[in-house]
């Protein structure tokens, strides 16, 4: 086990949509905090060599000492994790990174695309501001029921129109209605959200995703370009001000 990693026990690991899994783990040790909205853990469910890198997965929820993660099976690492079951162990490192600002006031829009809904669940529970939730999916909508008790309104889009608006979730967003907008999802979606909000003078906060090796800022493998230079997603992020991120064309 790598230095800093500890054992976490899987309580459940179930498929909730096509290639989307809900993973619940307990940690048999005490710490000051299991994490804040927007932070993440590095997870490993295999030996040290194959695959080499652990997987960074955002905190979806924390309740009664159980951490919930949502993840999409994309490659060998997440495929291995998806085959684990109750009682199996994972190596975990976290909580890591800089989370969301929970002191925002006024009416706030939470905008997610696909698996970007994951960190928004815990944020919706913890953020006291008035919140509308905008969630976009390709085909299947999932985890919407987890939001109903924590937000004012929910807007849904699917690219094929199977539920909600047919098209992109940015089609429904009206930034001028809000004091701030928080987004997590595919880069093109977040870029569009930031552009729309800049036009209306509305501040944005976005949770970036990037491939990570260490998760603690040592390897510089997850850097992104910002208006004040290169920054590490795992250390200075993953939450950034939308205005500071430089999106490539």
C-alpha atoms as a PDB file:
ATOM      1  CA  UNK A   1       0.000   0.000   0.000  1.00  0.00           C
ATOM      2  CA  UNK A   2       1.394   3.405  -0.967  1.00  0.00           C
ATOM      3  CA  UNK A   3       2.401   5.862   1.746  1.00  0.00           C
ATOM      4  CA  UNK A   4      -0.619   7.805   3.010  1.00  0.00           C
ATOM      5  CA  UNK A   5      -3.150   5.314   1.687  1.00  0.00           C
ATOM      6  CA  UNK A   6      -5.452   3.492   4.081  1.00  0.00           C
ATOM      7  CA  UNK A   7      -7.957   0.711   3.799  1.00  0.00           C
ATOM      8  CA  UNK A   8     -11.612   1.457   3.181  1.00  0.00           C
ATOM      9  CA  UNK A   9     -14.331  -1.198   3.318  1.00  0.00           C
ATOM     10  CA  UNK A  10     -16.968  -1.353   0.600  1.00  0.00           C
ATOM     11  CA  UNK A  11     -20.506  -1.270   2.001  1.00  0.00           C
ATOM     12  CA  UNK A  12     -22.210  -1.387  -1.409  1.00  0.00           C
ATOM     13  CA  UNK A  13     -21.292  -0.949  -5.070  1.00  0.00           C
ATOM     14  CA  UNK A  14     -24.292  -0.938  -7.401  1.00  0.00           C
ATOM     15  CA  UNK A  15     -24.961   0.030 -10.998  1.00  0.00           C
ATOM     16  CA  UNK A  16     -27.555   2.816 -11.207  1.00  0.00           C
ATOM     17  CA  UNK A  17     -27.416   3.596 -14.953  1.00  0.00           C
ATOM     18  CA  UNK A  18     -25.477   2.514 -18.020  1.00  0.00           C
ATOM     19  CA  UNK A  19     -21.792   2.444 -16.929  1.00  0.00           C
ATOM     20  CA  UNK A  20     -22.648   4.530 -13.819  1.00  0.00           C
ATOM     21  CA  UNK A  21     -22.077   3.094 -10.334  1.00  0.00           C
ATOM     22  CA  UNK A  22     -22.799   4.187  -6.783  1.00  0.00           C
ATOM     23  CA  UNK A  23     -20.045   3.163  -4.374  1.00  0.00           C
ATOM     24  CA  UNK A  24     -20.354   3.438  -0.592  1.00  0.00           C
ATOM     25  CA  UNK A  25     -17.330   2.914   1.654  1.00  0.00           C
ATOM     26  CA  UNK A  26     -16.570   3.147   5.354  1.00  0.00           C
ATOM     27  CA  UNK A  27     -13.169   4.014   6.764  1.00  0.00           C
ATOM     28  CA  UNK A  28     -12.096   2.054   9.859  1.00  0.00           C
ATOM     29  CA  UNK A  29     -10.214   5.000  11.332  1.00  0.00           C
ATOM     30  CA  UNK A  30     -11.072   8.408  12.754  1.00  0.00           C
ATOM     31  CA  UNK A  31     -10.163  11.758  11.265  1.00  0.00           C
ATOM     32  CA  UNK A  32     -11.222  15.378  11.726  1.00  0.00           C
ATOM     33  CA  UNK A  33     -13.349  15.357   8.583  1.00  0.00           C
ATOM     34  CA  UNK A  34     -14.255  12.820   5.929  1.00  0.00           C
ATOM     35  CA  UNK A  35     -14.406  15.648   3.438  1.00  0.00           C
ATOM     36  CA  UNK A  36     -16.174  18.762   2.195  1.00  0.00           C
ATOM     37  CA  UNK A  37     -18.274  19.298  -0.955  1.00  0.00           C
ATOM     38  CA  UNK A  38     -15.996  19.468  -3.980  1.00  0.00           C
ATOM     39  CA  UNK A  39     -13.138  17.459  -2.465  1.00  0.00           C
ATOM     40  CA  UNK A  40     -12.130  14.036  -3.752  1.00  0.00           C
ATOM     41  CA  UNK A  41     -10.367  10.795  -2.852  1.00  0.00           C
ATOM     42  CA  UNK A  42      -7.795   8.748  -4.721  1.00  0.00           C
ATOM     43  CA  UNK A  43      -9.047   5.154  -4.931  1.00  0.00           C
ATOM     44  CA  UNK A  44      -7.185   1.972  -5.759  1.00  0.00           C
ATOM     45  CA  UNK A  45      -8.676  -1.513  -5.830  1.00  0.00           C
ATOM     46  CA  UNK A  46      -5.804  -3.455  -7.331  1.00  0.00           C
ATOM     47  CA  UNK A  47      -2.095  -4.185  -6.941  1.00  0.00           C
ATOM     48  CA  UNK A  48       0.625  -1.597  -7.307  1.00  0.00           C
ATOM     49  CA  UNK A  49       1.504  -2.255 -10.941  1.00  0.00           C
ATOM     50  CA  UNK A  50      -1.591  -2.833 -13.113  1.00  0.00           C
ATOM     51  CA  UNK A  51      -2.997  -0.299 -13.650  1.00  0.00           C
ATOM     52  CA  UNK A  52      -0.327   1.921 -12.151  1.00  0.00           C
ATOM     53  CA  UNK A  53      -2.335   5.039 -11.281  1.00  0.00           C
ATOM     54  CA  UNK A  54      -5.166   5.264  -8.708  1.00  0.00           C
ATOM     55  CA  UNK A  55      -8.406   6.955  -9.715  1.00  0.00           C
ATOM     56  CA  UNK A  56      -9.542  10.377  -8.415  1.00  0.00           C
ATOM     57  CA  UNK A  57     -13.275  10.305  -7.579  1.00  0.00           C
ATOM     58  CA  UNK A  58     -15.298  13.176  -6.138  1.00  0.00           C
ATOM     59  CA  UNK A  59     -17.194  12.925  -2.878  1.00  0.00           C
ATOM     60  CA  UNK A  60     -20.881  12.580  -3.724  1.00  0.00           C
ATOM     61  CA  UNK A  61     -22.244  12.416  -0.199  1.00  0.00           C
ATOM     62  CA  UNK A  62     -21.252  11.743   3.401  1.00  0.00           C
ATOM     63  CA  UNK A  63     -23.750  10.420   5.915  1.00  0.00           C
ATOM     64  CA  UNK A  64     -23.356   8.506   9.191  1.00  0.00           C
ATOM     65  CA  UNK A  65     -19.670   7.850   8.522  1.00  0.00           C
ATOM     66  CA  UNK A  66     -20.285   6.427   5.038  1.00  0.00           C
ATOM     67  CA  UNK A  67     -18.796   8.141   1.983  1.00  0.00           C
ATOM     68  CA  UNK A  68     -20.742   7.847  -1.274  1.00  0.00           C
ATOM     69  CA  UNK A  69     -19.018   8.098  -4.648  1.00  0.00           C
ATOM     70  CA  UNK A  70     -20.559   8.104  -8.113  1.00  0.00           C
ATOM     71  CA  UNK A  71     -18.271   7.005 -10.912  1.00  0.00           C
ATOM     72  CA  UNK A  72     -18.428   6.167 -14.584  1.00  0.00           C
ATOM     73  CA  UNK A  73     -16.677   3.063 -15.904  1.00  0.00           C
ATOM     74  CA  UNK A  74     -14.258   4.494 -18.453  1.00  0.00           C
ATOM     75  CA  UNK A  75     -11.125   2.366 -18.332  1.00  0.00           C
ATOM     76  CA  UNK A  76      -9.376  -0.525 -16.650  1.00  0.00           C
ATOM     77  CA  UNK A  77      -9.199   1.059 -13.196  1.00  0.00           C
ATOM     78  CA  UNK A  78     -12.888   1.912 -12.861  1.00  0.00           C
ATOM     79  CA  UNK A  79     -13.785  -1.431 -14.469  1.00  0.00           C
ATOM     80  CA  UNK A  80     -11.883  -3.239 -11.703  1.00  0.00           C
ATOM     81  CA  UNK A  81     -13.579  -1.135  -9.025  1.00  0.00           C
ATOM     82  CA  UNK A  82     -17.004  -1.908 -10.529  1.00  0.00           C
ATOM     83  CA  UNK A  83     -16.429  -5.646  -9.944  1.00  0.00           C
ATOM     84  CA  UNK A  84     -15.818  -5.235  -6.193  1.00  0.00           C
ATOM     85  CA  UNK A  85     -18.585  -5.914  -3.692  1.00  0.00           C
ATOM     86  CA  UNK A  86     -19.589  -5.535  -0.039  1.00  0.00           C
ATOM     87  CA  UNK A  87     -16.763  -6.500   2.310  1.00  0.00           C
ATOM     88  CA  UNK A  88     -14.028  -5.933  -0.284  1.00  0.00           C
ATOM     89  CA  UNK A  89     -11.390  -3.328   0.488  1.00  0.00           C
ATOM     90  CA  UNK A  90     -10.067  -0.325  -1.390  1.00  0.00           C
ATOM     91  CA  UNK A  91      -6.939   1.692  -0.761  1.00  0.00           C
ATOM     92  CA  UNK A  92      -8.016   5.318  -0.251  1.00  0.00           C
ATOM     93  CA  UNK A  93      -6.213   8.649   0.088  1.00  0.00           C
ATOM     94  CA  UNK A  94      -8.158  11.724   1.094  1.00  0.00           C
ATOM     95  CA  UNK A  95      -9.991  13.946   1.431  1.00  0.00           C
ATOM     96  CA  UNK A  96      -7.967  15.973  -1.074  1.00  0.00           C
ATOM     97  CA  UNK A  97      -8.185  19.276  -2.910  1.00  0.00           C
ATOM     98  CA  UNK A  98     -10.016  22.545  -2.444  1.00  0.00           C
ATOM     99  CA  UNK A  99     -13.779  22.295  -2.322  1.00  0.00           C
ATOM    100  CA  UNK A 100     -16.678  24.654  -2.983  1.00  0.00           C
ATOM    101  CA  UNK A 101     -17.292  27.931  -1.168  1.00  0.00           C
ATOM    102  CA  UNK A 102     -20.188  27.252   1.219  1.00  0.00           C
ATOM    103  CA  UNK A 103     -20.612  30.907   2.210  1.00  0.00           C
ATOM    104  CA  UNK A 104     -22.392  31.998  -0.989  1.00  0.00           C
ATOM    105  CA  UNK A 105     -25.629  33.886  -0.477  1.00  0.00           C
ATOM    106  CA  UNK A 106     -28.628  34.731  -2.610  1.00  0.00           C
ATOM    107  CA  UNK A 107     -30.002  32.591  -5.413  1.00  0.00           C
ATOM    108  CA  UNK A 108     -27.441  30.144  -6.827  1.00  0.00           C
ATOM    109  CA  UNK A 109     -27.623  27.890  -9.904  1.00  0.00           C
ATOM    110  CA  UNK A 110     -25.969  24.476  -9.745  1.00  0.00           C
ATOM    111  CA  UNK A 111     -25.232  23.137 -13.225  1.00  0.00           C
ATOM    112  CA  UNK A 112     -24.051  19.603 -13.957  1.00  0.00           C
ATOM    113  CA  UNK A 113     -23.412  17.530 -17.049  1.00  0.00           C
ATOM    114  CA  UNK A 114     -23.351  13.721 -16.885  1.00  0.00           C
ATOM    115  CA  UNK A 115     -21.237  12.317 -14.069  1.00  0.00           C
ATOM    116  CA  UNK A 116     -20.559  15.938 -13.074  1.00  0.00           C
ATOM    117  CA  UNK A 117     -23.677  15.582 -10.943  1.00  0.00           C
ATOM    118  CA  UNK A 118     -21.609  13.638  -8.392  1.00  0.00           C
ATOM    119  CA  UNK A 119     -20.016  16.458  -6.334  1.00  0.00           C
ATOM    120  CA  UNK A 120     -23.181  18.556  -6.626  1.00  0.00           C
ATOM    121  CA  UNK A 121     -25.221  16.243  -4.407  1.00  0.00           C
ATOM    122  CA  UNK A 122     -23.248  16.947  -1.238  1.00  0.00           C
ATOM    123  CA  UNK A 123     -22.975  20.606  -2.233  1.00  0.00           C
ATOM    124  CA  UNK A 124     -26.768  20.891  -2.563  1.00  0.00           C
ATOM    125  CA  UNK A 125     -27.148  19.425   0.940  1.00  0.00           C
ATOM    126  CA  UNK A 126     -24.553  21.684   2.553  1.00  0.00           C
ATOM    127  CA  UNK A 127     -25.046  25.017   0.766  1.00  0.00           C
ATOM    128  CA  UNK A 128     -27.623  27.127   2.618  1.00  0.00           C
ATOM    129  CA  UNK A 129     -28.324  29.513  -0.271  1.00  0.00           C
ATOM    130  CA  UNK A 130     -31.463  29.238  -2.405  1.00  0.00           C
ATOM    131  CA  UNK A 131     -30.558  26.758  -5.134  1.00  0.00           C
ATOM    132  CA  UNK A 132     -31.903  25.772  -8.556  1.00  0.00           C
ATOM    133  CA  UNK A 133     -30.406  22.631 -10.072  1.00  0.00           C
ATOM    134  CA  UNK A 134     -29.744  22.221 -13.800  1.00  0.00           C
ATOM    135  CA  UNK A 135     -28.657  18.710 -14.775  1.00  0.00           C
ATOM    136  CA  UNK A 136     -27.901  17.489 -18.284  1.00  0.00           C
ATOM    137  CA  UNK A 137     -27.461  13.908 -19.449  1.00  0.00           C
ATOM    138  CA  UNK A 138     -26.826  12.077 -22.723  1.00  0.00           C
ATOM    139  CA  UNK A 139     -29.657   9.530 -22.407  1.00  0.00           C
ATOM    140  CA  UNK A 140     -30.436   8.373 -18.882  1.00  0.00           C
ATOM    141  CA  UNK A 141     -31.102  10.696 -15.973  1.00  0.00           C
ATOM    142  CA  UNK A 142     -29.976   9.422 -12.576  1.00  0.00           C
ATOM    143  CA  UNK A 143     -29.767  10.491  -8.943  1.00  0.00           C
ATOM    144  CA  UNK A 144     -32.400  13.192  -9.377  1.00  0.00           C
ATOM    145  CA  UNK A 145     -34.344  11.840  -6.400  1.00  0.00           C
ATOM    146  CA  UNK A 146     -31.378  12.673  -4.153  1.00  0.00           C
ATOM    147  CA  UNK A 147     -31.823  16.383  -4.911  1.00  0.00           C
ATOM    148  CA  UNK A 148     -35.521  17.003  -4.389  1.00  0.00           C
ATOM    149  CA  UNK A 149     -35.330  17.829  -0.693  1.00  0.00           C
ATOM    150  CA  UNK A 150     -32.361  20.179  -1.051  1.00  0.00           C
ATOM    151  CA  UNK A 151     -33.093  22.501  -3.992  1.00  0.00           C
ATOM    152  CA  UNK A 152     -35.824  24.887  -5.024  1.00  0.00           C
ATOM    153  CA  UNK A 153     -36.298  23.730  -8.648  1.00  0.00           C
ATOM    154  CA  UNK A 154     -34.819  21.044 -10.890  1.00  0.00           C
ATOM    155  CA  UNK A 155     -34.322  21.441 -14.637  1.00  0.00           C
ATOM    156  CA  UNK A 156     -33.380  18.368 -16.697  1.00  0.00           C
ATOM    157  CA  UNK A 157     -32.139  17.947 -20.249  1.00  0.00           C
ATOM    158  CA  UNK A 158     -31.148  14.920 -22.315  1.00  0.00           C
ATOM    159  CA  UNK A 159     -29.479  15.083 -25.694  1.00  0.00           C
ATOM    160  CA  UNK A 160     -32.011  12.637 -27.163  1.00  0.00           C
ATOM    161  CA  UNK A 161     -35.032  14.105 -25.395  1.00  0.00           C
ATOM    162  CA  UNK A 162     -35.883  10.958 -23.432  1.00  0.00           C
ATOM    163  CA  UNK A 163     -36.610  13.108 -20.367  1.00  0.00           C
ATOM    164  CA  UNK A 164     -36.864  16.847 -19.898  1.00  0.00           C
ATOM    165  CA  UNK A 165     -35.605  19.328 -22.459  1.00  0.00           C
ATOM    166  CA  UNK A 166     -34.160  17.886 -25.688  1.00  0.00           C
ATOM    167  CA  UNK A 167     -30.739  19.425 -26.086  1.00  0.00           C
ATOM    168  CA  UNK A 168     -28.084  20.817 -23.778  1.00  0.00           C
ATOM    169  CA  UNK A 169     -28.608  21.984 -20.221  1.00  0.00           C
ATOM    170  CA  UNK A 170     -27.105  25.377 -21.110  1.00  0.00           C
ATOM    171  CA  UNK A 171     -30.194  25.945 -23.290  1.00  0.00           C
ATOM    172  CA  UNK A 172     -32.228  26.265 -20.079  1.00  0.00           C
ATOM    173  CA  UNK A 173     -29.814  28.291 -17.951  1.00  0.00           C
ATOM    174  CA  UNK A 174     -30.619  31.977 -17.419  1.00  0.00           C
ATOM    175  CA  UNK A 175     -27.549  33.336 -15.573  1.00  0.00           C
ATOM    176  CA  UNK A 176     -29.098  36.759 -15.017  1.00  0.00           C
ATOM    177  CA  UNK A 177     -31.494  35.203 -12.497  1.00  0.00           C
ATOM    178  CA  UNK A 178     -28.691  34.286 -10.087  1.00  0.00           C
ATOM    179  CA  UNK A 179     -26.071  35.751  -7.801  1.00  0.00           C
ATOM    180  CA  UNK A 180     -23.663  32.954  -8.728  1.00  0.00           C
ATOM    181  CA  UNK A 181     -23.399  29.793 -10.807  1.00  0.00           C
ATOM    182  CA  UNK A 182     -21.528  26.604  -9.881  1.00  0.00           C
ATOM    183  CA  UNK A 183     -20.809  24.020 -12.585  1.00  0.00           C
ATOM    184  CA  UNK A 184     -19.280  20.580 -12.988  1.00  0.00           C
ATOM    185  CA  UNK A 185     -19.271  18.487 -16.139  1.00  0.00           C
ATOM    186  CA  UNK A 186     -17.670  18.220 -19.572  1.00  0.00           C
ATOM    187  CA  UNK A 187     -15.242  20.999 -20.482  1.00  0.00           C
ATOM    188  CA  UNK A 188     -17.366  22.313 -23.405  1.00  0.00           C
ATOM    189  CA  UNK A 189     -20.354  22.653 -21.076  1.00  0.00           C
ATOM    190  CA  UNK A 190     -18.389  24.486 -18.391  1.00  0.00           C
ATOM    191  CA  UNK A 191     -16.786  26.761 -20.977  1.00  0.00           C
ATOM    192  CA  UNK A 192     -20.245  27.667 -22.261  1.00  0.00           C
ATOM    193  CA  UNK A 193     -21.522  28.311 -18.725  1.00  0.00           C
ATOM    194  CA  UNK A 194     -18.582  30.604 -17.960  1.00  0.00           C
ATOM    195  CA  UNK A 195     -19.071  32.532 -21.210  1.00  0.00           C
ATOM    196  CA  UNK A 196     -22.790  32.982 -20.552  1.00  0.00           C
ATOM    197  CA  UNK A 197     -22.162  34.178 -17.006  1.00  0.00           C
ATOM    198  CA  UNK A 198     -19.390  36.575 -18.023  1.00  0.00           C
ATOM    199  CA  UNK A 199     -21.814  38.192 -20.453  1.00  0.00           C
ATOM    200  CA  UNK A 200     -24.246  38.824 -17.589  1.00  0.00           C
ATOM    201  CA  UNK A 201     -21.605  39.728 -14.996  1.00  0.00           C
ATOM    202  CA  UNK A 202     -22.419  36.693 -12.840  1.00  0.00           C
ATOM    203  CA  UNK A 203     -19.537  35.000 -10.963  1.00  0.00           C
ATOM    204  CA  UNK A 204     -18.923  31.319 -11.660  1.00  0.00           C
ATOM    205  CA  UNK A 205     -17.201  28.482  -9.845  1.00  0.00           C
ATOM    206  CA  UNK A 206     -16.281  25.306 -11.692  1.00  0.00           C
ATOM    207  CA  UNK A 207     -14.979  21.904 -10.633  1.00  0.00           C
ATOM    208  CA  UNK A 208     -12.285  20.774 -13.054  1.00  0.00           C
ATOM    209  CA  UNK A 209     -11.354  17.213 -13.887  1.00  0.00           C
ATOM    210  CA  UNK A 210      -7.946  16.039 -15.062  1.00  0.00           C
ATOM    211  CA  UNK A 211      -5.850  12.888 -15.033  1.00  0.00           C
ATOM    212  CA  UNK A 212      -3.951  12.628 -11.754  1.00  0.00           C
ATOM    213  CA  UNK A 213      -1.038  10.556 -10.572  1.00  0.00           C
ATOM    214  CA  UNK A 214      -0.437  11.563  -6.958  1.00  0.00           C
ATOM    215  CA  UNK A 215      -3.446  13.653  -5.898  1.00  0.00           C
ATOM    216  CA  UNK A 216      -1.318  15.800  -3.561  1.00  0.00           C
ATOM    217  CA  UNK A 217       0.345  18.251  -5.938  1.00  0.00           C
ATOM    218  CA  UNK A 218       3.786  16.654  -6.069  1.00  0.00           C
ATOM    219  CA  UNK A 219       3.918  15.339  -9.634  1.00  0.00           C
ATOM    220  CA  UNK A 220       2.453  18.356 -11.509  1.00  0.00           C
ATOM    221  CA  UNK A 221       0.635  15.952 -13.817  1.00  0.00           C
ATOM    222  CA  UNK A 222      -2.763  17.613 -13.530  1.00  0.00           C
ATOM    223  CA  UNK A 223      -1.885  21.257 -14.182  1.00  0.00           C
ATOM    224  CA  UNK A 224      -4.195  23.550 -16.110  1.00  0.00           C
ATOM    225  CA  UNK A 225      -3.655  27.020 -17.502  1.00  0.00           C
ATOM    226  CA  UNK A 226      -5.170  29.935 -15.586  1.00  0.00           C
ATOM    227  CA  UNK A 227      -4.994  33.715 -15.843  1.00  0.00           C
ATOM    228  CA  UNK A 228      -2.364  33.689 -13.078  1.00  0.00           C
ATOM    229  CA  UNK A 229      -0.247  30.840 -14.441  1.00  0.00           C
ATOM    230  CA  UNK A 230      -0.328  27.049 -14.292  1.00  0.00           C
ATOM    231  CA  UNK A 231      -2.216  25.546 -11.350  1.00  0.00           C
ATOM    232  CA  UNK A 232      -2.674  22.005 -10.085  1.00  0.00           C
ATOM    233  CA  UNK A 233      -6.205  20.601 -10.229  1.00  0.00           C
ATOM    234  CA  UNK A 234      -5.504  18.321  -7.264  1.00  0.00           C
ATOM    235  CA  UNK A 235      -4.078  21.037  -5.001  1.00  0.00           C
ATOM    236  CA  UNK A 236      -5.250  24.518  -5.996  1.00  0.00           C
ATOM    237  CA  UNK A 237      -8.477  22.923  -7.268  1.00  0.00           C
ATOM    238  CA  UNK A 238     -10.446  21.053  -8.297  1.00  0.00           C
ATOM    239  CA  UNK A 239     -12.738  24.061  -7.701  1.00  0.00           C
ATOM    240  CA  UNK A 240     -11.681  27.265  -9.454  1.00  0.00           C
ATOM    241  CA  UNK A 241     -13.246  30.584 -10.262  1.00  0.00           C
ATOM    242  CA  UNK A 242     -14.576  30.220 -13.805  1.00  0.00           C
ATOM    243  CA  UNK A 243     -13.095  33.561 -14.756  1.00  0.00           C
ATOM    244  CA  UNK A 244      -9.531  32.400 -14.008  1.00  0.00           C
ATOM    245  CA  UNK A 245      -9.531  29.184 -16.063  1.00  0.00           C
ATOM    246  CA  UNK A 246      -8.122  29.495 -19.566  1.00  0.00           C
ATOM    247  CA  UNK A 247     -10.059  27.134 -21.822  1.00  0.00           C
ATOM    248  CA  UNK A 248      -8.304  25.897 -24.954  1.00  0.00           C
ATOM    249  CA  UNK A 249     -10.089  26.435 -28.265  1.00  0.00           C
END
